[in-house]
Amino acid sequence: SAADLRIDPTRSRAEFAVRLLWVSTVSGSFEGIRGDLSIDREARTAV
């Protein structure tokens, strides 16, 4: 009844950006992202 899915680390990405001196932006991306999505079919919710 639980349909767990995983985060595909090769096709997923995460990024951040922060302003530096209110003129430029420092940004980067994380290549190492993983995790999952757990579904509770009875409650119709996911985490």
ModelCIF file with pLDDT and N, C-alpha, C, O atoms, coordinates in Angstrom:
data_MODEL
#
_entry.id   MODEL 
#
_entity.id                         1 
_entity.type                       polymer 
_entity.pdbx_number_of_molecules   1 
#
_entity_poly.entity_id                      1 
_entity_poly.type                           'polypeptide(L)' 
_entity_poly.nstd_linkage                   no 
_entity_poly.nstd_monomer                   no 
_entity_poly.pdbx_seq_one_letter_code       SAADLRIDPTRSRAEFAVRLLWVSTVSGSFEGIRGDLSIDREARTAV 
_entity_poly.pdbx_seq_one_letter_code_can   SAADLRIDPTRSRAEFAVRLLWVSTVSGSFEGIRGDLSIDREARTAV 
_entity_poly.pdbx_strand_id                 A 
#
loop_
_entity_poly_seq.entity_id 
_entity_poly_seq.num 
_entity_poly_seq.mon_id 
_entity_poly_seq.hetero 
1 1  SER n 
1 2  ALA n 
1 3  ALA n 
1 4  ASP n 
1 5  LEU n 
1 6  ARG n 
1 7  ILE n 
1 8  ASP n 
1 9  PRO n 
1 10 THR n 
1 11 ARG n 
1 12 SER n 
1 13 ARG n 
1 14 ALA n 
1 15 GLU n 
1 16 PHE n 
1 17 ALA n 
1 18 VAL n 
1 19 ARG n 
1 20 LEU n 
1 21 LEU n 
1 22 TRP n 
1 23 VAL n 
1 24 SER n 
1 25 THR n 
1 26 VAL n 
1 27 SER n 
1 28 GLY n 
1 29 SER n 
1 30 PHE n 
1 31 GLU n 
1 32 GLY n 
1 33 ILE n 
1 34 ARG n 
1 35 GLY n 
1 36 ASP n 
1 37 LEU n 
1 38 SER n 
1 39 ILE n 
1 40 ASP n 
1 41 ARG n 
1 42 GLU n 
1 43 ALA n 
1 44 ARG n 
1 45 THR n 
1 46 ALA n 
1 47 VAL n 
#
_struct_asym.id          A 
_struct_asym.entity_id   1 
#
loop_
_ma_qa_metric.id 
_ma_qa_metric.mode 
_ma_qa_metric.name 
_ma_qa_metric.software_group_id 
_ma_qa_metric.type 
1 global pLDDT . pLDDT 
2 local  pLDDT . pLDDT 
#
_ma_qa_metric_global.metric_id      1 
_ma_qa_metric_global.metric_value   88.74 
_ma_qa_metric_global.model_id       1 
_ma_qa_metric_global.ordinal_id     1 
#
loop_
_ma_qa_metric_local.label_asym_id 
_ma_qa_metric_local.label_comp_id 
_ma_qa_metric_local.label_seq_id 
_ma_qa_metric_local.metric_id 
_ma_qa_metric_local.metric_value 
_ma_qa_metric_local.model_id 
_ma_qa_metric_local.ordinal_id 
A SER 1  2 37.00 1 1  
A ALA 2  2 41.00 1 2  
A ALA 3  2 40.00 1 3  
A ASP 4  2 89.00 1 4  
A LEU 5  2 95.00 1 5  
A ARG 6  2 96.00 1 6  
A ILE 7  2 96.00 1 7  
A ASP 8  2 96.00 1 8  
A PRO 9  2 95.00 1 9  
A THR 10 2 94.00 1 10 
A ARG 11 2 95.00 1 11 
A SER 12 2 96.00 1 12 
A ARG 13 2 94.00 1 13 
A ALA 14 2 96.00 1 14 
A GLU 15 2 96.00 1 15 
A PHE 16 2 94.00 1 16 
A ALA 17 2 94.00 1 17 
A VAL 18 2 90.00 1 18 
A ARG 19 2 87.00 1 19 
A LEU 20 2 82.00 1 20 
A LEU 21 2 77.00 1 21 
A TRP 22 2 71.00 1 22 
A VAL 23 2 80.00 1 23 
A SER 24 2 87.00 1 24 
A THR 25 2 90.00 1 25 
A VAL 26 2 88.00 1 26 
A SER 27 2 94.00 1 27 
A GLY 28 2 95.00 1 28 
A SER 29 2 96.00 1 29 
A PHE 30 2 95.00 1 30 
A GLU 31 2 92.00 1 31 
A GLY 32 2 92.00 1 32 
A ILE 33 2 95.00 1 33 
A ARG 34 2 95.00 1 34 
A GLY 35 2 96.00 1 35 
A ASP 36 2 96.00 1 36 
A LEU 37 2 94.00 1 37 
A SER 38 2 95.00 1 38 
A ILE 39 2 92.00 1 39 
A ASP 40 2 93.00 1 40 
A ARG 41 2 89.00 1 41 
A GLU 42 2 93.00 1 42 
A ALA 43 2 95.00 1 43 
A ARG 44 2 93.00 1 44 
A THR 45 2 95.00 1 45 
A ALA 46 2 94.00 1 46 
A VAL 47 2 96.00 1 47 
#
loop_
_atom_site.group_PDB 
_atom_site.id 
_atom_site.type_symbol 
_atom_site.label_atom_id 
_atom_site.label_alt_id 
_atom_site.label_comp_id 
_atom_site.label_asym_id 
_atom_site.label_entity_id 
_atom_site.label_seq_id 
_atom_site.pdbx_PDB_ins_code 
_atom_site.Cartn_x 
_atom_site.Cartn_y 
_atom_site.Cartn_z 
_atom_site.occupancy 
_atom_site.B_iso_or_equiv 
_atom_site.pdbx_formal_charge 
_atom_site.auth_seq_id 
_atom_site.auth_comp_id 
_atom_site.auth_asym_id 
_atom_site.auth_atom_id 
_atom_site.pdbx_PDB_model_num 
ATOM 1   N N  . SER A 1 1  ? 0.813  -1.207 0.000   1.00 37.00 ? 1  SER A N  1 
ATOM 2   C CA . SER A 1 1  ? 0.000  0.000  0.000   1.00 37.00 ? 1  SER A CA 1 
ATOM 3   C C  . SER A 1 1  ? 0.849  1.261  0.000   1.00 37.00 ? 1  SER A C  1 
ATOM 4   O O  . SER A 1 1  ? 0.352  2.332  -0.351  1.00 37.00 ? 1  SER A O  1 
ATOM 5   N N  . ALA A 1 2  ? 2.114  1.163  0.383   1.00 41.00 ? 2  ALA A N  1 
ATOM 6   C CA . ALA A 1 2  ? 3.001  2.318  0.365   1.00 41.00 ? 2  ALA A CA 1 
ATOM 7   C C  . ALA A 1 2  ? 3.784  2.294  -0.935  1.00 41.00 ? 2  ALA A C  1 
ATOM 8   O O  . ALA A 1 2  ? 4.431  1.298  -1.256  1.00 41.00 ? 2  ALA A O  1 
ATOM 9   N N  . ALA A 1 3  ? 3.729  3.371  -1.673  1.00 40.00 ? 3  ALA A N  1 
ATOM 10  C CA . ALA A 1 3  ? 4.457  3.469  -2.936  1.00 40.00 ? 3  ALA A CA 1 
ATOM 11  C C  . ALA A 1 3  ? 5.624  4.424  -2.745  1.00 40.00 ? 3  ALA A C  1 
ATOM 12  O O  . ALA A 1 3  ? 5.485  5.630  -2.950  1.00 40.00 ? 3  ALA A O  1 
ATOM 13  N N  . ASP A 1 4  ? 6.751  3.899  -2.361  1.00 89.00 ? 4  ASP A N  1 
ATOM 14  C CA . ASP A 1 4  ? 7.927  4.722  -2.133  1.00 89.00 ? 4  ASP A CA 1 
ATOM 15  C C  . ASP A 1 4  ? 8.669  4.940  -3.438  1.00 89.00 ? 4  ASP A C  1 
ATOM 16  O O  . ASP A 1 4  ? 8.901  4.002  -4.202  1.00 89.00 ? 4  ASP A O  1 
ATOM 17  N N  . LEU A 1 5  ? 9.035  6.182  -3.682  1.00 95.00 ? 5  LEU A N  1 
ATOM 18  C CA . LEU A 1 5  ? 9.834  6.535  -4.845  1.00 95.00 ? 5  LEU A CA 1 
ATOM 19  C C  . LEU A 1 5  ? 11.139 7.141  -4.344  1.00 95.00 ? 5  LEU A C  1 
ATOM 20  O O  . LEU A 1 5  ? 11.209 7.659  -3.229  1.00 95.00 ? 5  LEU A O  1 
ATOM 21  N N  . ARG A 1 6  ? 12.156 7.070  -5.170  1.00 96.00 ? 6  ARG A N  1 
ATOM 22  C CA . ARG A 1 6  ? 13.428 7.658  -4.773  1.00 96.00 ? 6  ARG A CA 1 
ATOM 23  C C  . ARG A 1 6  ? 13.697 8.901  -5.616  1.00 96.00 ? 6  ARG A C  1 
ATOM 24  O O  . ARG A 1 6  ? 13.130 9.072  -6.696  1.00 96.00 ? 6  ARG A O  1 
ATOM 25  N N  . ILE A 1 7  ? 14.553 9.747  -5.114  1.00 96.00 ? 7  ILE A N  1 
ATOM 26  C CA . ILE A 1 7  ? 15.028 10.885 -5.886  1.00 96.00 ? 7  ILE A CA 1 
ATOM 27  C C  . ILE A 1 7  ? 16.148 10.371 -6.780  1.00 96.00 ? 7  ILE A C  1 
ATOM 28  O O  . ILE A 1 7  ? 17.125 9.801  -6.296  1.00 96.00 ? 7  ILE A O  1 
ATOM 29  N N  . ASP A 1 8  ? 16.006 10.572 -8.070  1.00 96.00 ? 8  ASP A N  1 
ATOM 30  C CA . ASP A 1 8  ? 17.023 10.135 -9.020  1.00 96.00 ? 8  ASP A CA 1 
ATOM 31  C C  . ASP A 1 8  ? 18.215 11.095 -8.925  1.00 96.00 ? 8  ASP A C  1 
ATOM 32  O O  . ASP A 1 8  ? 18.108 12.245 -9.350  1.00 96.00 ? 8  ASP A O  1 
ATOM 33  N N  . PRO A 1 9  ? 19.343 10.644 -8.375  1.00 95.00 ? 9  PRO A N  1 
ATOM 34  C CA . PRO A 1 9  ? 20.473 11.552 -8.157  1.00 95.00 ? 9  PRO A CA 1 
ATOM 35  C C  . PRO A 1 9  ? 21.139 12.035 -9.443  1.00 95.00 ? 9  PRO A C  1 
ATOM 36  O O  . PRO A 1 9  ? 21.797 13.075 -9.438  1.00 95.00 ? 9  PRO A O  1 
ATOM 37  N N  . THR A 1 10 ? 20.982 11.300 -10.540 1.00 94.00 ? 10 THR A N  1 
ATOM 38  C CA . THR A 1 10 ? 21.629 11.718 -11.789 1.00 94.00 ? 10 THR A CA 1 
ATOM 39  C C  . THR A 1 10 ? 20.827 12.786 -12.527 1.00 94.00 ? 10 THR A C  1 
ATOM 40  O O  . THR A 1 10 ? 21.393 13.550 -13.309 1.00 94.00 ? 10 THR A O  1 
ATOM 41  N N  . ARG A 1 11 ? 19.527 12.851 -12.291 1.00 95.00 ? 11 ARG A N  1 
ATOM 42  C CA . ARG A 1 11 ? 18.697 13.828 -13.002 1.00 95.00 ? 11 ARG A CA 1 
ATOM 43  C C  . ARG A 1 11 ? 18.172 14.941 -12.106 1.00 95.00 ? 11 ARG A C  1 
ATOM 44  O O  . ARG A 1 11 ? 17.495 15.845 -12.594 1.00 95.00 ? 11 ARG A O  1 
ATOM 45  N N  . SER A 1 12 ? 18.465 14.901 -10.810 1.00 96.00 ? 12 SER A N  1 
ATOM 46  C CA . SER A 1 12 ? 17.984 15.924 -9.874  1.00 96.00 ? 12 SER A CA 1 
ATOM 47  C C  . SER A 1 12 ? 19.102 16.917 -9.587  1.00 96.00 ? 12 SER A C  1 
ATOM 48  O O  . SER A 1 12 ? 20.283 16.614 -9.754  1.00 96.00 ? 12 SER A O  1 
ATOM 49  N N  . ARG A 1 13 ? 18.706 18.104 -9.156  1.00 94.00 ? 13 ARG A N  1 
ATOM 50  C CA . ARG A 1 13 ? 19.708 19.106 -8.805  1.00 94.00 ? 13 ARG A CA 1 
ATOM 51  C C  . ARG A 1 13 ? 19.166 20.021 -7.719  1.00 94.00 ? 13 ARG A C  1 
ATOM 52  O O  . ARG A 1 13 ? 17.958 20.132 -7.511  1.00 94.00 ? 13 ARG A O  1 
ATOM 53  N N  . ALA A 1 14 ? 20.091 20.669 -7.039  1.00 96.00 ? 14 ALA A N  1 
ATOM 54  C CA . ALA A 1 14 ? 19.742 21.668 -6.036  1.00 96.00 ? 14 ALA A CA 1 
ATOM 55  C C  . ALA A 1 14 ? 20.705 22.835 -6.208  1.00 96.00 ? 14 ALA A C  1 
ATOM 56  O O  . ALA A 1 14 ? 21.872 22.638 -6.547  1.00 96.00 ? 14 ALA A O  1 
ATOM 57  N N  . GLU A 1 15 ? 20.222 24.040 -5.977  1.00 96.00 ? 15 GLU A N  1 
ATOM 58  C CA . GLU A 1 15 ? 21.023 25.238 -6.168  1.00 96.00 ? 15 GLU A CA 1 
ATOM 59  C C  . GLU A 1 15 ? 20.821 26.203 -5.020  1.00 96.00 ? 15 GLU A C  1 
ATOM 60  O O  . GLU A 1 15 ? 19.812 26.154 -4.317  1.00 96.00 ? 15 GLU A O  1 
ATOM 61  N N  . PHE A 1 16 ? 21.794 27.084 -4.836  1.00 94.00 ? 16 PHE A N  1 
ATOM 62  C CA . PHE A 1 16 ? 21.652 28.168 -3.877  1.00 94.00 ? 16 PHE A CA 1 
ATOM 63  C C  . PHE A 1 16 ? 22.214 29.433 -4.501  1.00 94.00 ? 16 PHE A C  1 
ATOM 64  O O  . PHE A 1 16 ? 23.044 29.374 -5.408  1.00 94.00 ? 16 PHE A O  1 
ATOM 65  N N  . ALA A 1 17 ? 21.759 30.571 -4.014  1.00 94.00 ? 17 ALA A N  1 
ATOM 66  C CA . ALA A 1 17 ? 22.263 31.874 -4.467  1.00 94.00 ? 17 ALA A CA 1 
ATOM 67  C C  . ALA A 1 17 ? 22.138 32.866 -3.312  1.00 94.00 ? 17 ALA A C  1 
ATOM 68  O O  . ALA A 1 17 ? 21.142 32.879 -2.589  1.00 94.00 ? 17 ALA A O  1 
ATOM 69  N N  . VAL A 1 18 ? 23.172 33.697 -3.155  1.00 90.00 ? 18 VAL A N  1 
ATOM 70  C CA . VAL A 1 18 ? 23.180 34.727 -2.122  1.00 90.00 ? 18 VAL A CA 1 
ATOM 71  C C  . VAL A 1 18 ? 23.810 35.985 -2.724  1.00 90.00 ? 18 VAL A C  1 
ATOM 72  O O  . VAL A 1 18 ? 24.787 35.904 -3.468  1.00 90.00 ? 18 VAL A O  1 
ATOM 73  N N  . ARG A 1 19 ? 23.241 37.147 -2.396  1.00 87.00 ? 19 ARG A N  1 
ATOM 74  C CA . ARG A 1 19 ? 23.744 38.420 -2.922  1.00 87.00 ? 19 ARG A CA 1 
ATOM 75  C C  . ARG A 1 19 ? 25.037 38.806 -2.221  1.00 87.00 ? 19 ARG A C  1 
ATOM 76  O O  . ARG A 1 19 ? 25.156 38.682 -1.002  1.00 87.00 ? 19 ARG A O  1 
ATOM 77  N N  . LEU A 1 20 ? 26.002 39.276 -3.001  1.00 82.00 ? 20 LEU A N  1 
ATOM 78  C CA . LEU A 1 20 ? 27.285 39.741 -2.498  1.00 82.00 ? 20 LEU A CA 1 
ATOM 79  C C  . LEU A 1 20 ? 27.404 41.225 -2.809  1.00 82.00 ? 20 LEU A C  1 
ATOM 80  O O  . LEU A 1 20 ? 27.324 41.631 -3.968  1.00 82.00 ? 20 LEU A O  1 
ATOM 81  N N  . LEU A 1 21 ? 27.596 42.035 -1.774  1.00 77.00 ? 21 LEU A N  1 
ATOM 82  C CA . LEU A 1 21 ? 27.732 43.488 -1.911  1.00 77.00 ? 21 LEU A CA 1 
ATOM 83  C C  . LEU A 1 21 ? 26.551 44.115 -2.665  1.00 77.00 ? 21 LEU A C  1 
ATOM 84  O O  . LEU A 1 21 ? 26.709 45.172 -3.276  1.00 77.00 ? 21 LEU A O  1 
ATOM 85  N N  . TRP A 1 22 ? 25.409 43.503 -2.632  1.00 71.00 ? 22 TRP A N  1 
ATOM 86  C CA . TRP A 1 22 ? 24.178 43.998 -3.242  1.00 71.00 ? 22 TRP A CA 1 
ATOM 87  C C  . TRP A 1 22 ? 24.328 44.291 -4.727  1.00 71.00 ? 22 TRP A C  1 
ATOM 88  O O  . TRP A 1 22 ? 23.484 44.967 -5.316  1.00 71.00 ? 22 TRP A O  1 
ATOM 89  N N  . VAL A 1 23 ? 25.399 43.785 -5.338  1.00 80.00 ? 23 VAL A N  1 
ATOM 90  C CA . VAL A 1 23 ? 25.650 44.027 -6.748  1.00 80.00 ? 23 VAL A CA 1 
ATOM 91  C C  . VAL A 1 23 ? 25.693 42.719 -7.532  1.00 80.00 ? 23 VAL A C  1 
ATOM 92  O O  . VAL A 1 23 ? 25.108 42.618 -8.611  1.00 80.00 ? 23 VAL A O  1 
ATOM 93  N N  . SER A 1 24 ? 26.378 41.731 -6.996  1.00 87.00 ? 24 SER A N  1 
ATOM 94  C CA . SER A 1 24 ? 26.509 40.456 -7.705  1.00 87.00 ? 24 SER A CA 1 
ATOM 95  C C  . SER A 1 24 ? 25.912 39.337 -6.862  1.00 87.00 ? 24 SER A C  1 
ATOM 96  O O  . SER A 1 24 ? 25.517 39.545 -5.715  1.00 87.00 ? 24 SER A O  1 
ATOM 97  N N  . THR A 1 25 ? 25.855 38.169 -7.445  1.00 90.00 ? 25 THR A N  1 
ATOM 98  C CA . THR A 1 25 ? 25.285 37.000 -6.772  1.00 90.00 ? 25 THR A CA 1 
ATOM 99  C C  . THR A 1 25 ? 26.304 35.874 -6.773  1.00 90.00 ? 25 THR A C  1 
ATOM 100 O O  . THR A 1 25 ? 26.927 35.585 -7.795  1.00 90.00 ? 25 THR A O  1 
ATOM 101 N N  . VAL A 1 26 ? 26.468 35.240 -5.617  1.00 88.00 ? 26 VAL A N  1 
ATOM 102 C CA . VAL A 1 26 ? 27.280 34.037 -5.500  1.00 88.00 ? 26 VAL A CA 1 
ATOM 103 C C  . VAL A 1 26 ? 26.306 32.873 -5.564  1.00 88.00 ? 26 VAL A C  1 
ATOM 104 O O  . VAL A 1 26 ? 25.344 32.819 -4.798  1.00 88.00 ? 26 VAL A O  1 
ATOM 105 N N  . SER A 1 27 ? 26.556 31.936 -6.481  1.00 94.00 ? 27 SER A N  1 
ATOM 106 C CA . SER A 1 27 ? 25.637 30.804 -6.611  1.00 94.00 ? 27 SER A CA 1 
ATOM 107 C C  . SER A 1 27 ? 26.411 29.524 -6.852  1.00 94.00 ? 27 SER A C  1 
ATOM 108 O O  . SER A 1 27 ? 27.569 29.537 -7.268  1.00 94.00 ? 27 SER A O  1 
ATOM 109 N N  . GLY A 1 28 ? 25.745 28.433 -6.581  1.00 95.00 ? 28 GLY A N  1 
ATOM 110 C CA . GLY A 1 28 ? 26.344 27.127 -6.789  1.00 95.00 ? 28 GLY A CA 1 
ATOM 111 C C  . GLY A 1 28 ? 25.268 26.070 -6.903  1.00 95.00 ? 28 GLY A C  1 
ATOM 112 O O  . GLY A 1 28 ? 24.100 26.308 -6.595  1.00 95.00 ? 28 GLY A O  1 
ATOM 113 N N  . SER A 1 29 ? 25.683 24.895 -7.353  1.00 96.00 ? 29 SER A N  1 
ATOM 114 C CA . SER A 1 29 ? 24.730 23.790 -7.454  1.00 96.00 ? 29 SER A CA 1 
ATOM 115 C C  . SER A 1 29 ? 25.336 22.551 -6.799  1.00 96.00 ? 29 SER A C  1 
ATOM 116 O O  . SER A 1 29 ? 26.548 22.337 -6.830  1.00 96.00 ? 29 SER A O  1 
ATOM 117 N N  . PHE A 1 30 ? 24.480 21.760 -6.221  1.00 95.00 ? 30 PHE A N  1 
ATOM 118 C CA . PHE A 1 30 ? 24.878 20.524 -5.554  1.00 95.00 ? 30 PHE A CA 1 
ATOM 119 C C  . PHE A 1 30 ? 24.666 19.365 -6.517  1.00 95.00 ? 30 PHE A C  1 
ATOM 120 O O  . PHE A 1 30 ? 23.565 19.166 -7.030  1.00 95.00 ? 30 PHE A O  1 
ATOM 121 N N  . GLU A 1 31 ? 25.715 18.612 -6.755  1.00 92.00 ? 31 GLU A N  1 
ATOM 122 C CA . GLU A 1 31 ? 25.590 17.435 -7.615  1.00 92.00 ? 31 GLU A CA 1 
ATOM 123 C C  . GLU A 1 31 ? 25.185 16.198 -6.833  1.00 92.00 ? 31 GLU A C  1 
ATOM 124 O O  . GLU A 1 31 ? 24.676 15.242 -7.417  1.00 92.00 ? 31 GLU A O  1 
ATOM 125 N N  . GLY A 1 32 ? 25.401 16.198 -5.529  1.00 92.00 ? 32 GLY A N  1 
ATOM 126 C CA . GLY A 1 32 ? 25.055 15.054 -4.689  1.00 92.00 ? 32 GLY A CA 1 
ATOM 127 C C  . GLY A 1 32 ? 23.732 15.284 -3.991  1.00 92.00 ? 32 GLY A C  1 
ATOM 128 O O  . GLY A 1 32 ? 23.689 15.846 -2.897  1.00 92.00 ? 32 GLY A O  1 
ATOM 129 N N  . ILE A 1 33 ? 22.662 14.853 -4.617  1.00 95.00 ? 33 ILE A N  1 
ATOM 130 C CA . ILE A 1 33 ? 21.329 14.958 -4.020  1.00 95.00 ? 33 ILE A CA 1 
ATOM 131 C C  . ILE A 1 33 ? 20.689 13.581 -4.085  1.00 95.00 ? 33 ILE A C  1 
ATOM 132 O O  . ILE A 1 33 ? 20.761 12.892 -5.102  1.00 95.00 ? 33 ILE A O  1 
ATOM 133 N N  . ARG A 1 34 ? 20.069 13.199 -2.994  1.00 95.00 ? 34 ARG A N  1 
ATOM 134 C CA . ARG A 1 34 ? 19.385 11.904 -2.945  1.00 95.00 ? 34 ARG A CA 1 
ATOM 135 C C  . ARG A 1 34 ? 18.247 12.011 -1.933  1.00 95.00 ? 34 ARG A C  1 
ATOM 136 O O  . ARG A 1 34 ? 18.113 13.015 -1.232  1.00 95.00 ? 34 ARG A O  1 
ATOM 137 N N  . GLY A 1 35 ? 17.457 10.994 -1.871  1.00 96.00 ? 35 GLY A N  1 
ATOM 138 C CA . GLY A 1 35 ? 16.344 10.974 -0.928  1.00 96.00 ? 35 GLY A CA 1 
ATOM 139 C C  . GLY A 1 35 ? 15.201 10.158 -1.467  1.00 96.00 ? 35 GLY A C  1 
ATOM 140 O O  . GLY A 1 35 ? 15.379 9.308  -2.339  1.00 96.00 ? 35 GLY A O  1 
ATOM 141 N N  . ASP A 1 36 ? 14.009 10.425 -0.932  1.00 96.00 ? 36 ASP A N  1 
ATOM 142 C CA . ASP A 1 36 ? 12.857 9.639  -1.339  1.00 96.00 ? 36 ASP A CA 1 
ATOM 143 C C  . ASP A 1 36 ? 11.561 10.397 -1.100  1.00 96.00 ? 36 ASP A C  1 
ATOM 144 O O  . ASP A 1 36 ? 11.533 11.444 -0.453  1.00 96.00 ? 36 ASP A O  1 
ATOM 145 N N  . LEU A 1 37 ? 10.505 9.840  -1.638  1.00 94.00 ? 37 LEU A N  1 
ATOM 146 C CA . LEU A 1 37 ? 9.147  10.330 -1.429  1.00 94.00 ? 37 LEU A CA 1 
ATOM 147 C C  . LEU A 1 37 ? 8.355  9.123  -0.956  1.00 94.00 ? 37 LEU A C  1 
ATOM 148 O O  . LEU A 1 37 ? 8.209  8.141  -1.683  1.00 94.00 ? 37 LEU A O  1 
ATOM 149 N N  . SER A 1 38 ? 7.847  9.202  0.262   1.00 95.00 ? 38 SER A N  1 
ATOM 150 C CA . SER A 1 38 ? 7.051  8.111  0.837   1.00 95.00 ? 38 SER A CA 1 
ATOM 151 C C  . SER A 1 38 ? 5.584  8.493  0.762   1.00 95.00 ? 38 SER A C  1 
ATOM 152 O O  . SER A 1 38 ? 5.196  9.586  1.175   1.00 95.00 ? 38 SER A O  1 
ATOM 153 N N  . ILE A 1 39 ? 4.783  7.601  0.242   1.00 92.00 ? 39 ILE A N  1 
ATOM 154 C CA . ILE A 1 39 ? 3.362  7.868  0.055   1.00 92.00 ? 39 ILE A CA 1 
ATOM 155 C C  . ILE A 1 39 ? 2.548  7.025  1.020   1.00 92.00 ? 39 ILE A C  1 
ATOM 156 O O  . ILE A 1 39 ? 2.757  5.818  1.144   1.00 92.00 ? 39 ILE A O  1 
ATOM 157 N N  . ASP A 1 40 ? 1.628  7.670  1.692   1.00 93.00 ? 40 ASP A N  1 
ATOM 158 C CA . ASP A 1 40 ? 0.641  6.981  2.522   1.00 93.00 ? 40 ASP A CA 1 
ATOM 159 C C  . ASP A 1 40 ? -0.662 7.012  1.727   1.00 93.00 ? 40 ASP A C  1 
ATOM 160 O O  . ASP A 1 40 ? -1.388 8.006  1.750   1.00 93.00 ? 40 ASP A O  1 
ATOM 161 N N  . ARG A 1 41 ? -0.951 5.919  1.027   1.00 89.00 ? 41 ARG A N  1 
ATOM 162 C CA . ARG A 1 41 ? -2.131 5.867  0.143   1.00 89.00 ? 41 ARG A CA 1 
ATOM 163 C C  . ARG A 1 41 ? -3.429 6.027  0.925   1.00 89.00 ? 41 ARG A C  1 
ATOM 164 O O  . ARG A 1 41 ? -4.379 6.642  0.440   1.00 89.00 ? 41 ARG A O  1 
ATOM 165 N N  . GLU A 1 42 ? -3.467 5.483  2.116   1.00 93.00 ? 42 GLU A N  1 
ATOM 166 C CA . GLU A 1 42 ? -4.684 5.565  2.918   1.00 93.00 ? 42 GLU A CA 1 
ATOM 167 C C  . GLU A 1 42 ? -4.993 7.006  3.306   1.00 93.00 ? 42 GLU A C  1 
ATOM 168 O O  . GLU A 1 42 ? -6.138 7.446  3.203   1.00 93.00 ? 42 GLU A O  1 
ATOM 169 N N  . ALA A 1 43 ? -3.981 7.738  3.751   1.00 95.00 ? 43 ALA A N  1 
ATOM 170 C CA . ALA A 1 43 ? -4.170 9.135  4.159   1.00 95.00 ? 43 ALA A CA 1 
ATOM 171 C C  . ALA A 1 43 ? -4.093 10.084 2.961   1.00 95.00 ? 43 ALA A C  1 
ATOM 172 O O  . ALA A 1 43 ? -4.423 11.263 3.091   1.00 95.00 ? 43 ALA A O  1 
ATOM 173 N N  . ARG A 1 44 ? -3.655 9.581  1.785   1.00 93.00 ? 44 ARG A N  1 
ATOM 174 C CA . ARG A 1 44 ? -3.472 10.385 0.572   1.00 93.00 ? 44 ARG A CA 1 
ATOM 175 C C  . ARG A 1 44 ? -2.508 11.542 0.811   1.00 93.00 ? 44 ARG A C  1 
ATOM 176 O O  . ARG A 1 44 ? -2.753 12.683 0.417   1.00 93.00 ? 44 ARG A O  1 
ATOM 177 N N  . THR A 1 45 ? -1.378 11.196 1.488   1.00 95.00 ? 45 THR A N  1 
ATOM 178 C CA . THR A 1 45 ? -0.335 12.178 1.764   1.00 95.00 ? 45 THR A CA 1 
ATOM 179 C C  . THR A 1 45 ? 1.019  11.621 1.335   1.00 95.00 ? 45 THR A C  1 
ATOM 180 O O  . THR A 1 45 ? 1.168  10.428 1.070   1.00 95.00 ? 45 THR A O  1 
ATOM 181 N N  . ALA A 1 46 ? 1.991  12.509 1.273   1.00 94.00 ? 46 ALA A N  1 
ATOM 182 C CA . ALA A 1 46 ? 3.357  12.114 0.935   1.00 94.00 ? 46 ALA A CA 1 
ATOM 183 C C  . ALA A 1 46 ? 4.330  12.906 1.794   1.00 94.00 ? 46 ALA A C  1 
ATOM 184 O O  . ALA A 1 46 ? 4.021  14.004 2.257   1.00 94.00 ? 46 ALA A O  1 
ATOM 185 N N  . VAL A 1 47 ? 5.502  12.336 1.999   1.00 96.00 ? 47 VAL A N  1 
ATOM 186 C CA . VAL A 1 47 ? 6.590  13.006 2.704   1.00 96.00 ? 47 VAL A CA 1 
ATOM 187 C C  . VAL A 1 47 ? 7.815  12.965 1.798   1.00 96.00 ? 47 VAL A C  1 
ATOM 188 O O  . VAL A 1 47 ? 8.874  13.470 2.169   1.00 96.00 ? 47 VAL A O  1 
#
